[in-house]
Amino acid sequence: QPMIRGPDGTLLKAAFLVLVAGTYSAFLVVLANVVAWRWANPLRDMQTSTQEFDLAPANCTVGADRHMVKGNIAARVKDCRLVGPESTDEEALAVFNQLVKG
């Protein structure tokens, strides 16, 4: 390809390539920011929802399983010695709520 020289004798092709590279770089920066923003919003929403977590109003897919699920959670909290062995299931579930909330 013939190279075009400017009035001062410099190559315009090099300037054009720098312009294209700069535009491409700017596009990549904008794209990276959009991706980061889209990723951060669900993460922020998830953090907010865990900070407001409470097991009491949570729904089970099968309503009849609710008592078993709560019992299993309470048993795991007790197994991990996060509450005393004589603690009630309600006390263990309160500790679980606090763990989820962070």
N, C-alpha and C. Protein backbone atom coordinates (compact mmCIF):
# COMPACT_ATOMS: atom_id res chain seq x y z
N GLN A 1 0.84 -1.19 0.00
CA GLN A 1 0.00 0.00 0.00
C GLN A 1 0.88 1.24 0.00
N PRO A 2 0.48 2.22 -0.78
CA PRO A 2 1.27 3.46 -0.76
C PRO A 2 1.06 4.19 0.56
N MET A 3 2.10 4.76 1.05
CA MET A 3 2.02 5.51 2.29
C MET A 3 1.80 6.98 1.96
N ILE A 4 0.90 7.58 2.67
CA ILE A 4 0.60 8.98 2.44
C ILE A 4 1.40 9.80 3.44
N ARG A 5 2.07 10.79 2.91
CA ARG A 5 2.88 11.66 3.77
C ARG A 5 2.16 12.98 3.94
N GLY A 6 2.25 13.45 5.15
CA GLY A 6 1.66 14.75 5.46
C GLY A 6 2.53 15.87 4.92
N PRO A 7 2.10 17.10 5.11
CA PRO A 7 2.87 18.25 4.60
C PRO A 7 4.29 18.31 5.14
N ASP A 8 4.48 17.80 6.36
CA ASP A 8 5.82 17.85 6.93
C ASP A 8 6.62 16.58 6.64
N GLY A 9 6.07 15.67 5.85
CA GLY A 9 6.80 14.48 5.44
C GLY A 9 6.58 13.28 6.34
N THR A 10 5.77 13.40 7.43
CA THR A 10 5.53 12.25 8.30
C THR A 10 4.52 11.32 7.66
N LEU A 11 4.53 10.12 8.09
CA LEU A 11 3.62 9.13 7.53
C LEU A 11 2.25 9.22 8.21
N LEU A 12 1.23 9.41 7.43
CA LEU A 12 -0.13 9.48 7.97
C LEU A 12 -0.66 8.10 8.35
N LYS A 13 -0.10 7.07 7.75
CA LYS A 13 -0.56 5.72 8.06
C LYS A 13 -0.30 5.41 9.54
N ALA A 14 0.84 5.79 10.05
CA ALA A 14 1.16 5.54 11.46
C ALA A 14 0.20 6.30 12.36
N ALA A 15 -0.12 7.54 12.00
CA ALA A 15 -1.05 8.32 12.80
C ALA A 15 -2.44 7.68 12.77
N PHE A 16 -2.82 7.19 11.60
CA PHE A 16 -4.11 6.52 11.48
C PHE A 16 -4.16 5.27 12.35
N LEU A 17 -3.10 4.49 12.36
CA LEU A 17 -3.06 3.28 13.17
C LEU A 17 -3.14 3.60 14.66
N VAL A 18 -2.48 4.66 15.06
CA VAL A 18 -2.54 5.08 16.45
C VAL A 18 -3.97 5.50 16.80
N LEU A 19 -4.63 6.20 15.90
CA LEU A 19 -6.01 6.62 16.12
C LEU A 19 -6.94 5.41 16.24
N VAL A 20 -6.75 4.44 15.35
CA VAL A 20 -7.57 3.23 15.39
C VAL A 20 -7.31 2.46 16.69
N ALA A 21 -6.06 2.32 17.07
CA ALA A 21 -5.72 1.60 18.30
C ALA A 21 -6.30 2.31 19.52
N GLY A 22 -6.25 3.61 19.55
CA GLY A 22 -6.82 4.37 20.66
C GLY A 22 -8.32 4.21 20.74
N THR A 23 -8.98 4.24 19.59
CA THR A 23 -10.44 4.05 19.56
C THR A 23 -10.80 2.65 20.03
N TYR A 24 -10.06 1.66 19.57
CA TYR A 24 -10.30 0.27 19.97
C TYR A 24 -10.08 0.11 21.48
N SER A 25 -9.04 0.73 22.00
CA SER A 25 -8.77 0.65 23.44
C SER A 25 -9.89 1.30 24.24
N ALA A 26 -10.37 2.43 23.78
CA ALA A 26 -11.46 3.11 24.47
C ALA A 26 -12.72 2.24 24.47
N PHE A 27 -12.98 1.58 23.34
CA PHE A 27 -14.12 0.68 23.25
C PHE A 27 -13.99 -0.46 24.26
N LEU A 28 -12.80 -1.03 24.38
CA LEU A 28 -12.58 -2.12 25.32
C LEU A 28 -12.76 -1.66 26.77
N VAL A 29 -12.33 -0.47 27.09
CA VAL A 29 -12.50 0.07 28.44
C VAL A 29 -13.99 0.24 28.75
N VAL A 30 -14.74 0.80 27.79
CA VAL A 30 -16.18 0.98 27.99
C VAL A 30 -16.85 -0.38 28.14
N LEU A 31 -16.49 -1.33 27.30
CA LEU A 31 -17.07 -2.67 27.37
C LEU A 31 -16.77 -3.33 28.73
N ALA A 32 -15.54 -3.20 29.20
CA ALA A 32 -15.17 -3.78 30.50
C ALA A 32 -15.97 -3.14 31.62
N ASN A 33 -16.20 -1.83 31.55
CA ASN A 33 -17.00 -1.15 32.58
C ASN A 33 -18.45 -1.61 32.56
N VAL A 34 -19.01 -1.81 31.38
CA VAL A 34 -20.39 -2.29 31.28
C VAL A 34 -20.51 -3.69 31.87
N VAL A 35 -19.56 -4.55 31.53
CA VAL A 35 -19.57 -5.91 32.06
C VAL A 35 -19.44 -5.90 33.59
N ALA A 36 -18.54 -5.10 34.10
CA ALA A 36 -18.34 -5.01 35.55
C ALA A 36 -19.60 -4.48 36.24
N TRP A 37 -20.24 -3.49 35.65
CA TRP A 37 -21.45 -2.92 36.23
C TRP A 37 -22.56 -3.96 36.25
N ARG A 38 -22.72 -4.70 35.15
CA ARG A 38 -23.77 -5.73 35.09
C ARG A 38 -23.49 -6.85 36.09
N TRP A 39 -22.23 -7.15 36.35
CA TRP A 39 -21.87 -8.19 37.30
C TRP A 39 -22.06 -7.70 38.73
N ALA A 40 -21.77 -6.43 38.98
CA ALA A 40 -21.83 -5.89 40.34
C ALA A 40 -23.27 -5.73 40.83
N ASN A 41 -24.21 -5.40 39.96
CA ASN A 41 -25.59 -5.19 40.40
C ASN A 41 -26.20 -6.45 41.01
N PRO A 42 -26.14 -7.62 40.36
CA PRO A 42 -26.69 -8.81 41.01
C PRO A 42 -25.96 -9.16 42.31
N LEU A 43 -24.66 -8.92 42.35
CA LEU A 43 -23.90 -9.20 43.57
C LEU A 43 -24.38 -8.31 44.70
N ARG A 44 -24.59 -7.03 44.40
CA ARG A 44 -25.08 -6.09 45.42
C ARG A 44 -26.48 -6.50 45.88
N ASP A 45 -27.33 -6.91 44.94
CA ASP A 45 -28.68 -7.35 45.29
C ASP A 45 -28.63 -8.59 46.17
N MET A 46 -27.71 -9.51 45.85
CA MET A 46 -27.58 -10.73 46.64
C MET A 46 -27.11 -10.40 48.06
N GLN A 47 -26.17 -9.47 48.19
CA GLN A 47 -25.69 -9.08 49.51
C GLN A 47 -26.82 -8.44 50.32
N THR A 48 -27.62 -7.62 49.66
CA THR A 48 -28.74 -6.99 50.35
C THR A 48 -29.75 -8.03 50.80
N SER A 49 -30.04 -9.00 49.94
CA SER A 49 -31.04 -10.00 50.31
C SER A 49 -30.55 -10.91 51.44
N THR A 50 -29.24 -11.20 51.50
CA THR A 50 -28.76 -12.01 52.61
C THR A 50 -28.73 -11.22 53.91
N GLN A 51 -28.51 -9.92 53.84
CA GLN A 51 -28.51 -9.10 55.05
C GLN A 51 -29.91 -9.00 55.65
N GLU A 52 -30.93 -9.22 54.85
CA GLU A 52 -32.31 -9.16 55.32
C GLU A 52 -32.91 -10.56 55.50
N PHE A 53 -32.08 -11.59 55.45
CA PHE A 53 -32.57 -12.96 55.48
C PHE A 53 -33.25 -13.30 56.80
N ASP A 54 -34.34 -14.03 56.70
CA ASP A 54 -35.02 -14.60 57.87
C ASP A 54 -35.66 -15.91 57.41
N LEU A 55 -35.32 -16.99 58.07
CA LEU A 55 -35.82 -18.30 57.68
C LEU A 55 -37.33 -18.44 57.89
N ALA A 56 -37.87 -17.73 58.89
CA ALA A 56 -39.29 -17.90 59.26
C ALA A 56 -40.25 -17.74 58.07
N PRO A 57 -40.16 -16.67 57.27
CA PRO A 57 -41.12 -16.54 56.18
C PRO A 57 -40.71 -17.28 54.89
N ALA A 58 -39.57 -17.94 54.90
CA ALA A 58 -39.11 -18.63 53.69
C ALA A 58 -40.06 -19.76 53.32
N ASN A 59 -40.26 -19.95 52.02
CA ASN A 59 -41.17 -20.99 51.54
C ASN A 59 -40.39 -22.23 51.13
N CYS A 60 -40.98 -23.38 51.37
CA CYS A 60 -40.44 -24.64 50.88
C CYS A 60 -41.21 -25.02 49.63
N THR A 61 -40.54 -25.66 48.70
CA THR A 61 -41.22 -26.12 47.49
C THR A 61 -42.34 -27.07 47.86
N VAL A 62 -42.07 -27.95 48.79
CA VAL A 62 -43.09 -28.86 49.32
C VAL A 62 -43.35 -28.44 50.76
N GLY A 63 -44.51 -27.86 50.99
CA GLY A 63 -44.83 -27.32 52.31
C GLY A 63 -44.67 -28.31 53.44
N ALA A 64 -44.95 -29.58 53.17
CA ALA A 64 -44.85 -30.61 54.21
C ALA A 64 -43.40 -30.82 54.66
N ASP A 65 -42.44 -30.39 53.85
CA ASP A 65 -41.02 -30.58 54.19
C ASP A 65 -40.49 -29.50 55.12
N ARG A 66 -41.25 -28.44 55.32
CA ARG A 66 -40.76 -27.30 56.09
C ARG A 66 -40.26 -27.69 57.47
N HIS A 67 -41.02 -28.50 58.21
CA HIS A 67 -40.63 -28.91 59.55
C HIS A 67 -39.32 -29.70 59.51
N MET A 68 -39.18 -30.60 58.53
CA MET A 68 -37.95 -31.40 58.40
C MET A 68 -36.75 -30.51 58.05
N VAL A 69 -36.94 -29.55 57.13
CA VAL A 69 -35.85 -28.66 56.73
C VAL A 69 -35.37 -27.83 57.92
N LYS A 70 -36.31 -27.24 58.64
CA LYS A 70 -35.94 -26.45 59.83
C LYS A 70 -35.24 -27.32 60.86
N GLY A 71 -35.71 -28.54 61.05
CA GLY A 71 -35.07 -29.46 61.99
C GLY A 71 -33.65 -29.81 61.58
N ASN A 72 -33.44 -30.02 60.27
CA ASN A 72 -32.09 -30.33 59.76
C ASN A 72 -31.15 -29.15 59.95
N ILE A 73 -31.64 -27.96 59.69
CA ILE A 73 -30.80 -26.77 59.88
C ILE A 73 -30.42 -26.63 61.35
N ALA A 74 -31.40 -26.78 62.23
CA ALA A 74 -31.13 -26.67 63.67
C ALA A 74 -30.13 -27.74 64.11
N ALA A 75 -30.29 -28.96 63.60
CA ALA A 75 -29.36 -30.05 63.96
C ALA A 75 -27.94 -29.73 63.50
N ARG A 76 -27.78 -29.18 62.29
CA ARG A 76 -26.43 -28.86 61.80
C ARG A 76 -25.79 -27.75 62.63
N VAL A 77 -26.59 -26.76 63.03
CA VAL A 77 -26.07 -25.68 63.87
C VAL A 77 -25.59 -26.26 65.20
N LYS A 78 -26.36 -27.18 65.76
CA LYS A 78 -25.96 -27.82 67.02
C LYS A 78 -24.72 -28.71 66.81
N ASP A 79 -24.69 -29.46 65.70
CA ASP A 79 -23.53 -30.32 65.39
C ASP A 79 -22.25 -29.51 65.27
N CYS A 80 -22.38 -28.32 64.74
CA CYS A 80 -21.20 -27.45 64.58
C CYS A 80 -20.86 -26.70 65.86
N ARG A 81 -21.62 -26.98 66.91
CA ARG A 81 -21.42 -26.39 68.24
C ARG A 81 -21.49 -24.86 68.23
N LEU A 82 -22.40 -24.36 67.39
CA LEU A 82 -22.63 -22.91 67.35
C LEU A 82 -23.59 -22.49 68.44
N VAL A 83 -24.29 -23.47 69.00
CA VAL A 83 -25.15 -23.28 70.17
C VAL A 83 -24.90 -24.46 71.10
N GLY A 84 -25.35 -24.34 72.32
CA GLY A 84 -25.19 -25.43 73.28
C GLY A 84 -26.09 -26.61 72.93
N PRO A 85 -25.74 -27.79 73.39
CA PRO A 85 -26.53 -28.99 73.06
C PRO A 85 -27.96 -28.94 73.62
N GLU A 86 -28.17 -28.15 74.67
CA GLU A 86 -29.51 -28.04 75.24
C GLU A 86 -30.33 -26.94 74.59
N SER A 87 -29.77 -26.24 73.62
CA SER A 87 -30.48 -25.14 72.97
C SER A 87 -31.71 -25.66 72.22
N THR A 88 -32.71 -24.81 72.14
CA THR A 88 -33.92 -25.18 71.40
C THR A 88 -33.66 -25.01 69.89
N ASP A 89 -34.52 -25.62 69.10
CA ASP A 89 -34.41 -25.44 67.66
C ASP A 89 -34.57 -23.97 67.28
N GLU A 90 -35.44 -23.26 67.96
CA GLU A 90 -35.65 -21.84 67.67
C GLU A 90 -34.37 -21.05 67.91
N GLU A 91 -33.65 -21.37 68.99
CA GLU A 91 -32.37 -20.69 69.26
C GLU A 91 -31.35 -21.02 68.18
N ALA A 92 -31.30 -22.27 67.76
CA ALA A 92 -30.37 -22.66 66.70
C ALA A 92 -30.71 -21.98 65.38
N LEU A 93 -32.01 -21.87 65.09
CA LEU A 93 -32.42 -21.21 63.85
C LEU A 93 -32.12 -19.71 63.89
N ALA A 94 -32.20 -19.10 65.06
CA ALA A 94 -31.83 -17.68 65.19
C ALA A 94 -30.34 -17.50 64.90
N VAL A 95 -29.51 -18.43 65.38
CA VAL A 95 -28.07 -18.39 65.10
C VAL A 95 -27.84 -18.57 63.60
N PHE A 96 -28.57 -19.48 62.99
CA PHE A 96 -28.46 -19.70 61.54
C PHE A 96 -28.79 -18.41 60.78
N ASN A 97 -29.86 -17.74 61.17
CA ASN A 97 -30.23 -16.47 60.52
C ASN A 97 -29.07 -15.48 60.60
N GLN A 98 -28.45 -15.39 61.76
CA GLN A 98 -27.33 -14.46 61.92
C GLN A 98 -26.13 -14.85 61.05
N LEU A 99 -25.89 -16.16 60.92
CA LEU A 99 -24.80 -16.62 60.06
C LEU A 99 -25.04 -16.22 58.61
N VAL A 100 -26.25 -16.39 58.15
CA VAL A 100 -26.58 -16.03 56.77
C VAL A 100 -26.43 -14.52 56.55
N LYS A 101 -26.86 -13.76 57.52
CA LYS A 101 -26.77 -12.30 57.40
C LYS A 101 -25.33 -11.81 57.39
N GLY A 102 -24.45 -12.63 57.94
CA GLY A 102 -23.02 -12.27 57.94
C GLY A 102 -22.73 -11.35 59.04
